[in-house]
Amino acid sequence: MTCRRHQPPVTARPSTGSHDPIVDEVFRTEGPRLTRYFRSRVRGADEPVDLVQESFLRLVGRLRSGAVGNPASYLHSIARNLLFERSRRQASKGAPPQYDQEAEIEIAVEPTQHRDMETNQMIAAYRQALSKLPPRTAEVFRLHREQDLSYKEIADRLGISARTVEWHVSEALLRIRRMMDAQ
């Protein structure tokens, strides 16, 4: 049994019948990475090499049709699909899958720095708009939004009707929106 660390790297370019410089470049840069990728997910000495070759053969077929924008990225999609197909074949034969598909899912995460900057700008614009409200409207709005008081509680506290409280909150929302949209 050969140890995975001592297996020779894949150096033979897949035979495609042509010398495509794009395939040569992708093979040089992505071949070793793809080999490591398959070796980390597939047991056996020969299967990773076969999967690398199959990946490149499929890539060449797609390149000939002209439907590939980024060959390296497309190659990695092919590799994931090959592993998925392999797992499905093994499952249909009753063999336990040797590849954890869940480990391959990458969660897209929005950059937090940009989001934080936008949030801070929005908060500053909100505070500025709030400071420009008439005093009574600002007071009613703060009681409702910041202290979470109901219209009735605000009306009782300020000695005004609940209908007037509703008008002040609506007016505050309208003015804040206009001021923030203007910025």
N, C-alpha and C. Protein backbone atom coordinates (compact mmCIF):
# COMPACT_ATOMS: atom_id res chain seq x y z
N MET A 1 0.85 -1.18 0.00
CA MET A 1 0.00 0.00 0.00
C MET A 1 0.88 1.23 0.00
N THR A 2 0.60 2.17 -0.87
CA THR A 2 1.41 3.37 -1.02
C THR A 2 0.85 4.48 -0.14
N CYS A 3 1.69 5.17 0.55
CA CYS A 3 1.29 6.29 1.40
C CYS A 3 0.92 7.47 0.51
N ARG A 4 -0.12 8.19 0.86
CA ARG A 4 -0.57 9.32 0.04
C ARG A 4 0.49 10.40 -0.10
N ARG A 5 1.27 10.62 0.93
CA ARG A 5 2.28 11.66 0.88
C ARG A 5 3.38 11.34 -0.13
N HIS A 6 3.60 10.08 -0.39
CA HIS A 6 4.70 9.70 -1.26
C HIS A 6 4.25 9.36 -2.67
N GLN A 7 3.00 9.61 -2.98
CA GLN A 7 2.53 9.33 -4.33
C GLN A 7 3.10 10.38 -5.27
N PRO A 8 3.50 9.97 -6.45
CA PRO A 8 4.06 10.94 -7.38
C PRO A 8 2.98 11.89 -7.87
N PRO A 9 3.33 13.15 -8.12
CA PRO A 9 2.33 14.09 -8.61
C PRO A 9 1.92 13.75 -10.04
N VAL A 10 0.76 14.21 -10.41
CA VAL A 10 0.29 14.00 -11.77
C VAL A 10 1.07 14.95 -12.66
N THR A 11 1.83 14.41 -13.58
CA THR A 11 2.65 15.26 -14.45
C THR A 11 2.29 15.07 -15.90
N ALA A 12 1.61 14.00 -16.22
CA ALA A 12 1.25 13.75 -17.60
C ALA A 12 -0.01 14.52 -17.94
N ARG A 13 0.11 15.37 -18.93
CA ARG A 13 -1.04 16.14 -19.38
C ARG A 13 -2.01 15.19 -20.07
N PRO A 14 -3.33 15.37 -19.84
CA PRO A 14 -4.29 14.51 -20.50
C PRO A 14 -4.15 14.60 -22.01
N SER A 15 -4.26 13.49 -22.66
CA SER A 15 -4.16 13.47 -24.11
C SER A 15 -5.46 13.99 -24.71
N THR A 16 -5.37 15.15 -25.36
CA THR A 16 -6.58 15.77 -25.91
C THR A 16 -6.56 15.79 -27.42
N GLY A 17 -5.44 15.41 -28.01
CA GLY A 17 -5.37 15.39 -29.46
C GLY A 17 -4.93 16.73 -30.03
N SER A 18 -4.72 17.76 -29.19
CA SER A 18 -4.25 19.04 -29.68
C SER A 18 -3.41 19.69 -28.60
N HIS A 19 -2.62 20.66 -28.99
CA HIS A 19 -1.80 21.39 -28.03
C HIS A 19 -2.40 22.77 -27.84
N ASP A 20 -3.35 22.85 -26.95
CA ASP A 20 -4.05 24.09 -26.65
C ASP A 20 -3.28 24.84 -25.57
N PRO A 21 -2.79 26.06 -25.84
CA PRO A 21 -2.01 26.78 -24.82
C PRO A 21 -2.82 27.10 -23.57
N ILE A 22 -4.11 27.27 -23.70
CA ILE A 22 -4.95 27.54 -22.53
C ILE A 22 -4.98 26.31 -21.62
N VAL A 23 -5.18 25.14 -22.22
CA VAL A 23 -5.22 23.91 -21.44
C VAL A 23 -3.86 23.66 -20.80
N ASP A 24 -2.77 23.91 -21.57
CA ASP A 24 -1.43 23.73 -21.01
C ASP A 24 -1.24 24.62 -19.78
N GLU A 25 -1.62 25.87 -19.88
CA GLU A 25 -1.45 26.80 -18.76
C GLU A 25 -2.31 26.39 -17.57
N VAL A 26 -3.56 26.04 -17.82
CA VAL A 26 -4.45 25.62 -16.73
C VAL A 26 -3.92 24.34 -16.10
N PHE A 27 -3.40 23.42 -16.91
CA PHE A 27 -2.86 22.18 -16.36
C PHE A 27 -1.64 22.45 -15.48
N ARG A 28 -0.77 23.36 -15.94
CA ARG A 28 0.42 23.69 -15.16
C ARG A 28 0.05 24.31 -13.81
N THR A 29 -0.92 25.21 -13.81
CA THR A 29 -1.27 25.91 -12.57
C THR A 29 -2.26 25.14 -11.71
N GLU A 30 -3.22 24.48 -12.33
CA GLU A 30 -4.29 23.84 -11.57
C GLU A 30 -4.14 22.34 -11.39
N GLY A 31 -3.32 21.69 -12.22
CA GLY A 31 -3.16 20.24 -12.14
C GLY A 31 -2.72 19.76 -10.75
N PRO A 32 -1.63 20.32 -10.19
CA PRO A 32 -1.21 19.87 -8.86
C PRO A 32 -2.26 20.17 -7.78
N ARG A 33 -2.90 21.33 -7.88
CA ARG A 33 -3.93 21.69 -6.90
C ARG A 33 -5.11 20.72 -6.99
N LEU A 34 -5.50 20.40 -8.21
CA LEU A 34 -6.62 19.48 -8.41
C LEU A 34 -6.27 18.07 -7.92
N THR A 35 -5.03 17.68 -8.12
CA THR A 35 -4.58 16.37 -7.63
C THR A 35 -4.69 16.31 -6.10
N ARG A 36 -4.19 17.35 -5.43
CA ARG A 36 -4.30 17.39 -3.96
C ARG A 36 -5.76 17.39 -3.52
N TYR A 37 -6.59 18.11 -4.26
CA TYR A 37 -8.02 18.18 -3.95
C TYR A 37 -8.65 16.79 -3.98
N PHE A 38 -8.38 16.04 -5.06
CA PHE A 38 -8.95 14.70 -5.18
C PHE A 38 -8.34 13.73 -4.16
N ARG A 39 -7.06 13.83 -3.92
CA ARG A 39 -6.42 12.92 -2.96
C ARG A 39 -6.95 13.14 -1.55
N SER A 40 -7.34 14.35 -1.23
CA SER A 40 -7.87 14.61 0.11
C SER A 40 -9.31 14.12 0.26
N ARG A 41 -9.96 13.80 -0.85
CA ARG A 41 -11.37 13.43 -0.78
C ARG A 41 -11.68 12.01 -1.25
N VAL A 42 -10.70 11.36 -1.88
CA VAL A 42 -10.93 10.04 -2.46
C VAL A 42 -9.86 9.08 -1.97
N ARG A 43 -10.30 7.91 -1.56
CA ARG A 43 -9.36 6.86 -1.13
C ARG A 43 -8.86 6.10 -2.35
N GLY A 44 -7.68 5.61 -2.26
CA GLY A 44 -7.13 4.82 -3.36
C GLY A 44 -6.03 5.58 -4.06
N ALA A 45 -5.11 4.85 -4.65
CA ALA A 45 -3.94 5.46 -5.27
C ALA A 45 -4.21 5.95 -6.68
N ASP A 46 -5.01 5.21 -7.44
CA ASP A 46 -5.18 5.54 -8.86
C ASP A 46 -6.37 6.44 -9.14
N GLU A 47 -7.37 6.37 -8.32
CA GLU A 47 -8.60 7.11 -8.61
C GLU A 47 -8.40 8.63 -8.69
N PRO A 48 -7.63 9.25 -7.79
CA PRO A 48 -7.42 10.70 -7.93
C PRO A 48 -6.81 11.08 -9.27
N VAL A 49 -5.85 10.30 -9.75
CA VAL A 49 -5.22 10.56 -11.04
C VAL A 49 -6.26 10.45 -12.15
N ASP A 50 -7.09 9.43 -12.09
CA ASP A 50 -8.14 9.26 -13.09
C ASP A 50 -9.12 10.43 -13.08
N LEU A 51 -9.46 10.89 -11.89
CA LEU A 51 -10.41 12.01 -11.77
C LEU A 51 -9.81 13.31 -12.31
N VAL A 52 -8.52 13.51 -12.10
CA VAL A 52 -7.85 14.70 -12.65
C VAL A 52 -7.91 14.64 -14.17
N GLN A 53 -7.58 13.48 -14.73
CA GLN A 53 -7.60 13.35 -16.18
C GLN A 53 -9.01 13.54 -16.73
N GLU A 54 -10.00 12.95 -16.08
CA GLU A 54 -11.39 13.12 -16.52
C GLU A 54 -11.80 14.59 -16.45
N SER A 55 -11.36 15.29 -15.42
CA SER A 55 -11.69 16.72 -15.28
C SER A 55 -11.15 17.51 -16.46
N PHE A 56 -9.89 17.25 -16.81
CA PHE A 56 -9.29 17.99 -17.93
C PHE A 56 -9.91 17.60 -19.27
N LEU A 57 -10.27 16.35 -19.43
CA LEU A 57 -10.93 15.94 -20.68
C LEU A 57 -12.26 16.66 -20.84
N ARG A 58 -13.01 16.77 -19.75
CA ARG A 58 -14.28 17.48 -19.82
C ARG A 58 -14.06 18.97 -20.09
N LEU A 59 -13.02 19.53 -19.49
CA LEU A 59 -12.70 20.94 -19.72
C LEU A 59 -12.38 21.19 -21.19
N VAL A 60 -11.56 20.33 -21.78
CA VAL A 60 -11.20 20.47 -23.18
C VAL A 60 -12.44 20.41 -24.06
N GLY A 61 -13.34 19.50 -23.74
CA GLY A 61 -14.58 19.41 -24.51
C GLY A 61 -15.38 20.69 -24.46
N ARG A 62 -15.45 21.30 -23.29
CA ARG A 62 -16.20 22.57 -23.15
C ARG A 62 -15.45 23.72 -23.82
N LEU A 63 -14.11 23.71 -23.76
CA LEU A 63 -13.34 24.77 -24.40
C LEU A 63 -13.54 24.75 -25.91
N ARG A 64 -13.63 23.56 -26.46
CA ARG A 64 -13.83 23.44 -27.92
C ARG A 64 -15.17 24.03 -28.34
N SER A 65 -16.16 23.94 -27.45
CA SER A 65 -17.47 24.52 -27.79
C SER A 65 -17.50 26.02 -27.53
N GLY A 66 -16.45 26.55 -26.88
CA GLY A 66 -16.36 27.99 -26.64
C GLY A 66 -17.26 28.49 -25.53
N ALA A 67 -17.71 27.61 -24.66
CA ALA A 67 -18.67 28.00 -23.63
C ALA A 67 -18.04 28.22 -22.25
N VAL A 68 -16.72 28.48 -22.20
CA VAL A 68 -16.05 28.62 -20.90
C VAL A 68 -15.39 29.99 -20.84
N GLY A 69 -15.75 30.76 -19.82
CA GLY A 69 -15.14 32.08 -19.64
C GLY A 69 -13.87 32.01 -18.82
N ASN A 70 -13.91 31.28 -17.71
CA ASN A 70 -12.76 31.15 -16.81
C ASN A 70 -12.45 29.66 -16.67
N PRO A 71 -11.46 29.17 -17.43
CA PRO A 71 -11.19 27.73 -17.43
C PRO A 71 -10.84 27.16 -16.06
N ALA A 72 -10.06 27.88 -15.25
CA ALA A 72 -9.66 27.34 -13.94
C ALA A 72 -10.88 27.17 -13.04
N SER A 73 -11.73 28.16 -13.02
CA SER A 73 -12.94 28.09 -12.20
C SER A 73 -13.86 26.98 -12.70
N TYR A 74 -13.99 26.88 -14.01
CA TYR A 74 -14.85 25.85 -14.59
C TYR A 74 -14.28 24.46 -14.28
N LEU A 75 -12.96 24.34 -14.28
CA LEU A 75 -12.32 23.07 -13.96
C LEU A 75 -12.68 22.62 -12.55
N HIS A 76 -12.70 23.55 -11.61
CA HIS A 76 -13.05 23.19 -10.23
C HIS A 76 -14.53 22.81 -10.11
N SER A 77 -15.37 23.42 -10.92
CA SER A 77 -16.78 23.00 -10.95
C SER A 77 -16.90 21.58 -11.47
N ILE A 78 -16.14 21.29 -12.51
CA ILE A 78 -16.13 19.93 -13.06
C ILE A 78 -15.68 18.95 -11.98
N ALA A 79 -14.64 19.30 -11.24
CA ALA A 79 -14.12 18.41 -10.20
C ALA A 79 -15.18 18.13 -9.14
N ARG A 80 -15.87 19.17 -8.68
CA ARG A 80 -16.93 18.96 -7.68
C ARG A 80 -18.03 18.08 -8.24
N ASN A 81 -18.39 18.30 -9.50
CA ASN A 81 -19.43 17.48 -10.12
C ASN A 81 -18.99 16.02 -10.25
N LEU A 82 -17.73 15.80 -10.58
CA LEU A 82 -17.23 14.43 -10.67
C LEU A 82 -17.33 13.72 -9.32
N LEU A 83 -16.98 14.42 -8.26
CA LEU A 83 -17.09 13.81 -6.92
C LEU A 83 -18.54 13.53 -6.57
N PHE A 84 -19.42 14.44 -6.95
CA PHE A 84 -20.84 14.24 -6.69
C PHE A 84 -21.34 13.02 -7.46
N GLU A 85 -20.99 12.92 -8.74
CA GLU A 85 -21.40 11.77 -9.56
C GLU A 85 -20.85 10.47 -8.96
N ARG A 86 -19.60 10.51 -8.52
CA ARG A 86 -18.97 9.34 -7.91
C ARG A 86 -19.73 8.92 -6.65
N SER A 87 -20.08 9.88 -5.81
CA SER A 87 -20.84 9.58 -4.59
C SER A 87 -22.19 8.98 -4.92
N ARG A 88 -22.83 9.52 -5.92
CA ARG A 88 -24.15 9.00 -6.32
C ARG A 88 -24.04 7.57 -6.84
N ARG A 89 -23.01 7.30 -7.63
CA ARG A 89 -22.81 5.93 -8.13
C ARG A 89 -22.57 4.97 -6.98
N GLN A 90 -21.74 5.39 -6.02
CA GLN A 90 -21.45 4.52 -4.88
C GLN A 90 -22.71 4.29 -4.05
N ALA A 91 -23.52 5.32 -3.88
CA ALA A 91 -24.75 5.17 -3.10
C ALA A 91 -25.71 4.22 -3.79
N SER A 92 -25.77 4.29 -5.12
CA SER A 92 -26.69 3.40 -5.85
C SER A 92 -26.21 1.94 -5.78
N LYS A 93 -24.92 1.75 -5.58
CA LYS A 93 -24.38 0.39 -5.44
C LYS A 93 -24.44 -0.08 -3.99
N GLY A 94 -24.86 0.79 -3.09
CA GLY A 94 -24.96 0.44 -1.69
C GLY A 94 -23.68 0.66 -0.91
N ALA A 95 -22.68 1.21 -1.54
CA ALA A 95 -21.42 1.48 -0.85
C ALA A 95 -21.54 2.80 -0.09
N PRO A 96 -20.93 2.88 1.07
CA PRO A 96 -20.99 4.15 1.80
C PRO A 96 -20.21 5.23 1.06
N PRO A 97 -20.73 6.46 1.01
CA PRO A 97 -20.01 7.52 0.30
C PRO A 97 -18.69 7.83 1.00
N GLN A 98 -17.67 8.11 0.20
CA GLN A 98 -16.35 8.42 0.75
C GLN A 98 -16.05 9.91 0.65
N TYR A 99 -17.04 10.69 0.33
CA TYR A 99 -16.85 12.12 0.15
C TYR A 99 -17.94 12.86 0.88
N ASP A 100 -17.58 13.81 1.70
CA ASP A 100 -18.54 14.61 2.45
C ASP A 100 -18.90 15.84 1.63
N GLN A 101 -20.06 15.81 1.00
CA GLN A 101 -20.47 16.92 0.14
C GLN A 101 -20.72 18.18 0.93
N GLU A 102 -21.18 18.07 2.18
CA GLU A 102 -21.46 19.23 2.99
C GLU A 102 -20.20 20.03 3.29
N ALA A 103 -19.05 19.36 3.39
CA ALA A 103 -17.81 20.05 3.70
C ALA A 103 -17.38 20.96 2.56
N GLU A 104 -17.90 20.74 1.38
CA GLU A 104 -17.49 21.48 0.21
C GLU A 104 -18.30 22.76 0.01
N ILE A 105 -19.41 22.90 0.70
CA ILE A 105 -20.25 24.08 0.51
C ILE A 105 -19.61 25.27 1.17
N GLU A 106 -19.43 26.34 0.39
CA GLU A 106 -18.87 27.57 0.93
C GLU A 106 -20.00 28.58 1.10
N ILE A 107 -20.05 29.19 2.26
CA ILE A 107 -21.08 30.16 2.53
C ILE A 107 -20.57 31.53 2.11
N ALA A 108 -21.34 32.19 1.29
CA ALA A 108 -20.97 33.53 0.86
C ALA A 108 -21.21 34.50 2.01
N VAL A 109 -20.20 35.26 2.33
CA VAL A 109 -20.30 36.21 3.43
C VAL A 109 -19.99 37.60 2.89
N GLU A 110 -20.88 38.50 3.15
CA GLU A 110 -20.69 39.87 2.72
C GLU A 110 -19.56 40.50 3.53
N PRO A 111 -18.71 41.30 2.91
CA PRO A 111 -17.65 41.95 3.65
C PRO A 111 -18.24 42.86 4.73
N THR A 112 -17.84 42.67 5.96
CA THR A 112 -18.44 43.41 7.07
C THR A 112 -17.96 44.85 7.14
N GLN A 113 -16.77 45.14 6.71
CA GLN A 113 -16.26 46.51 6.79
C GLN A 113 -17.14 47.45 5.97
N HIS A 114 -17.47 47.07 4.76
CA HIS A 114 -18.31 47.90 3.90
C HIS A 114 -19.70 48.07 4.50
N ARG A 115 -20.26 46.98 4.99
CA ARG A 115 -21.59 47.04 5.60
C ARG A 115 -21.57 47.93 6.85
N ASP A 116 -20.51 47.82 7.66
CA ASP A 116 -20.41 48.66 8.86
C ASP A 116 -20.32 50.13 8.50
N MET A 117 -19.57 50.45 7.45
CA MET A 117 -19.47 51.85 7.03
C MET A 117 -20.82 52.38 6.58
N GLU A 118 -21.55 51.60 5.79
CA GLU A 118 -22.87 52.02 5.35
C GLU A 118 -23.82 52.20 6.53
N THR A 119 -23.76 51.29 7.48
CA THR A 119 -24.61 51.38 8.67
C THR A 119 -24.30 52.64 9.46
N ASN A 120 -23.02 52.93 9.66
CA ASN A 120 -22.64 54.13 10.39
C ASN A 120 -23.09 55.40 9.68
N GLN A 121 -22.99 55.42 8.35
CA GLN A 121 -23.46 56.57 7.59
C GLN A 121 -24.97 56.73 7.71
N MET A 122 -25.68 55.61 7.68
CA MET A 122 -27.13 55.66 7.79
C MET A 122 -27.55 56.15 9.19
N ILE A 123 -26.87 55.70 10.21
CA ILE A 123 -27.19 56.12 11.58
C ILE A 123 -26.94 57.62 11.73
N ALA A 124 -25.82 58.09 11.17
CA ALA A 124 -25.52 59.53 11.25
C ALA A 124 -26.59 60.35 10.52
N ALA A 125 -27.01 59.88 9.34
CA ALA A 125 -28.06 60.59 8.59
C ALA A 125 -29.38 60.57 9.35
N TYR A 126 -29.68 59.46 9.99
CA TYR A 126 -30.91 59.34 10.78
C TYR A 126 -30.89 60.33 11.96
N ARG A 127 -29.78 60.36 12.67
CA ARG A 127 -29.67 61.27 13.82
C ARG A 127 -29.78 62.72 13.38
N GLN A 128 -29.17 63.06 12.26
CA GLN A 128 -29.25 64.42 11.75
C GLN A 128 -30.69 64.76 11.37
N ALA A 129 -31.38 63.84 10.72
CA ALA A 129 -32.77 64.07 10.34
C ALA A 129 -33.64 64.21 11.59
N LEU A 130 -33.39 63.39 12.59
CA LEU A 130 -34.14 63.44 13.84
C LEU A 130 -33.94 64.78 14.55
N SER A 131 -32.73 65.31 14.48
CA SER A 131 -32.45 66.59 15.14
C SER A 131 -33.16 67.76 14.47
N LYS A 132 -33.57 67.60 13.22
CA LYS A 132 -34.25 68.67 12.49
C LYS A 132 -35.77 68.62 12.62
N LEU A 133 -36.30 67.63 13.33
CA LEU A 133 -37.75 67.54 13.54
C LEU A 133 -38.21 68.62 14.52
N PRO A 134 -39.48 69.05 14.38
CA PRO A 134 -40.03 69.97 15.39
C PRO A 134 -39.94 69.28 16.76
N PRO A 135 -39.71 70.04 17.84
CA PRO A 135 -39.48 69.45 19.17
C PRO A 135 -40.56 68.47 19.62
N ARG A 136 -41.83 68.82 19.47
CA ARG A 136 -42.90 67.94 19.94
C ARG A 136 -42.94 66.65 19.13
N THR A 137 -42.75 66.74 17.79
CA THR A 137 -42.75 65.57 16.91
C THR A 137 -41.57 64.67 17.27
N ALA A 138 -40.41 65.26 17.51
CA ALA A 138 -39.23 64.48 17.89
C ALA A 138 -39.45 63.78 19.22
N GLU A 139 -40.07 64.48 20.19
CA GLU A 139 -40.32 63.89 21.49
C GLU A 139 -41.26 62.68 21.39
N VAL A 140 -42.35 62.85 20.66
CA VAL A 140 -43.31 61.76 20.48
C VAL A 140 -42.64 60.58 19.77
N PHE A 141 -41.89 60.88 18.72
CA PHE A 141 -41.23 59.83 17.95
C PHE A 141 -40.24 59.05 18.81
N ARG A 142 -39.43 59.76 19.60
CA ARG A 142 -38.45 59.10 20.48
C ARG A 142 -39.14 58.23 21.53
N LEU A 143 -40.23 58.74 22.10
CA LEU A 143 -40.96 57.93 23.10
C LEU A 143 -41.47 56.64 22.47
N HIS A 144 -41.95 56.75 21.24
CA HIS A 144 -42.50 55.57 20.57
C HIS A 144 -41.39 54.62 20.12
N ARG A 145 -40.35 55.13 19.46
CA ARG A 145 -39.32 54.27 18.87
C ARG A 145 -38.21 53.87 19.84
N GLU A 146 -37.78 54.79 20.67
CA GLU A 146 -36.65 54.49 21.55
C GLU A 146 -37.08 53.88 22.88
N GLN A 147 -38.24 54.32 23.40
CA GLN A 147 -38.70 53.77 24.67
C GLN A 147 -39.79 52.73 24.49
N ASP A 148 -40.20 52.54 23.24
CA ASP A 148 -41.15 51.50 22.88
C ASP A 148 -42.49 51.66 23.61
N LEU A 149 -42.93 52.91 23.76
CA LEU A 149 -44.23 53.18 24.39
C LEU A 149 -45.32 53.11 23.33
N SER A 150 -46.49 52.68 23.73
CA SER A 150 -47.64 52.63 22.82
C SER A 150 -48.18 54.04 22.62
N TYR A 151 -49.03 54.21 21.61
CA TYR A 151 -49.64 55.52 21.36
C TYR A 151 -50.42 55.98 22.59
N LYS A 152 -51.14 55.07 23.22
CA LYS A 152 -51.94 55.42 24.40
C LYS A 152 -51.06 55.86 25.55
N GLU A 153 -49.95 55.15 25.78
CA GLU A 153 -49.03 55.52 26.87
C GLU A 153 -48.42 56.90 26.63
N ILE A 154 -48.07 57.19 25.39
CA ILE A 154 -47.50 58.49 25.06
C ILE A 154 -48.56 59.57 25.25
N ALA A 155 -49.77 59.29 24.78
CA ALA A 155 -50.87 60.26 24.92
C ALA A 155 -51.12 60.58 26.39
N ASP A 156 -51.16 59.59 27.23
CA ASP A 156 -51.37 59.80 28.67
C ASP A 156 -50.22 60.60 29.28
N ARG A 157 -49.00 60.28 28.90
CA ARG A 157 -47.83 60.96 29.47
C ARG A 157 -47.78 62.43 29.06
N LEU A 158 -48.12 62.72 27.79
CA LEU A 158 -47.99 64.09 27.28
C LEU A 158 -49.30 64.89 27.35
N GLY A 159 -50.39 64.23 27.70
CA GLY A 159 -51.68 64.92 27.78
C GLY A 159 -52.24 65.29 26.42
N ILE A 160 -52.03 64.44 25.43
CA ILE A 160 -52.59 64.65 24.09
C ILE A 160 -53.36 63.40 23.70
N SER A 161 -54.07 63.48 22.58
CA SER A 161 -54.86 62.32 22.16
C SER A 161 -53.97 61.30 21.45
N ALA A 162 -54.43 60.07 21.43
CA ALA A 162 -53.71 59.00 20.74
C ALA A 162 -53.64 59.29 19.24
N ARG A 163 -54.68 59.95 18.74
CA ARG A 163 -54.71 60.32 17.32
C ARG A 163 -53.61 61.33 17.01
N THR A 164 -53.34 62.25 17.92
CA THR A 164 -52.28 63.23 17.74
C THR A 164 -50.91 62.54 17.79
N VAL A 165 -50.78 61.58 18.69
CA VAL A 165 -49.54 60.80 18.77
C VAL A 165 -49.30 60.10 17.43
N GLU A 166 -50.33 59.50 16.88
CA GLU A 166 -50.23 58.82 15.59
C GLU A 166 -49.79 59.79 14.50
N TRP A 167 -50.35 61.00 14.52
CA TRP A 167 -49.98 62.00 13.50
C TRP A 167 -48.50 62.36 13.64
N HIS A 168 -48.02 62.60 14.88
CA HIS A 168 -46.63 62.98 15.10
C HIS A 168 -45.67 61.87 14.63
N VAL A 169 -46.00 60.63 14.93
CA VAL A 169 -45.14 59.52 14.50
C VAL A 169 -45.12 59.44 12.97
N SER A 170 -46.26 59.56 12.35
CA SER A 170 -46.32 59.53 10.88
C SER A 170 -45.56 60.69 10.27
N GLU A 171 -45.73 61.87 10.84
CA GLU A 171 -45.03 63.06 10.35
C GLU A 171 -43.52 62.89 10.50
N ALA A 172 -43.08 62.34 11.63
CA ALA A 172 -41.65 62.11 11.85
C ALA A 172 -41.09 61.14 10.81
N LEU A 173 -41.80 60.06 10.58
CA LEU A 173 -41.34 59.08 9.59
C LEU A 173 -41.24 59.70 8.21
N LEU A 174 -42.23 60.48 7.84
CA LEU A 174 -42.25 61.12 6.53
C LEU A 174 -41.07 62.08 6.38
N ARG A 175 -40.87 62.94 7.39
CA ARG A 175 -39.78 63.93 7.32
C ARG A 175 -38.40 63.26 7.34
N ILE A 176 -38.25 62.25 8.18
CA ILE A 176 -36.96 61.55 8.23
C ILE A 176 -36.65 60.90 6.91
N ARG A 177 -37.62 60.25 6.33
CA ARG A 177 -37.41 59.61 5.03
C ARG A 177 -37.00 60.64 3.97
N ARG A 178 -37.71 61.77 3.93
CA ARG A 178 -37.37 62.81 2.94
C ARG A 178 -35.96 63.33 3.13
N MET A 179 -35.59 63.57 4.38
CA MET A 179 -34.25 64.10 4.66
C MET A 179 -33.16 63.08 4.32
N MET A 180 -33.42 61.83 4.61
CA MET A 180 -32.42 60.81 4.32
C MET A 180 -32.32 60.55 2.82
N ASP A 181 -33.44 60.62 2.13
CA ASP A 181 -33.42 60.45 0.67
C ASP A 181 -32.68 61.61 -0.02
N ALA A 182 -32.75 62.79 0.58
CA ALA A 182 -32.10 63.97 0.01
C ALA A 182 -30.58 63.90 0.14
N GLN A 183 -30.09 63.09 1.05
CA GLN A 183 -28.63 63.04 1.27
C GLN A 183 -27.96 62.12 0.31
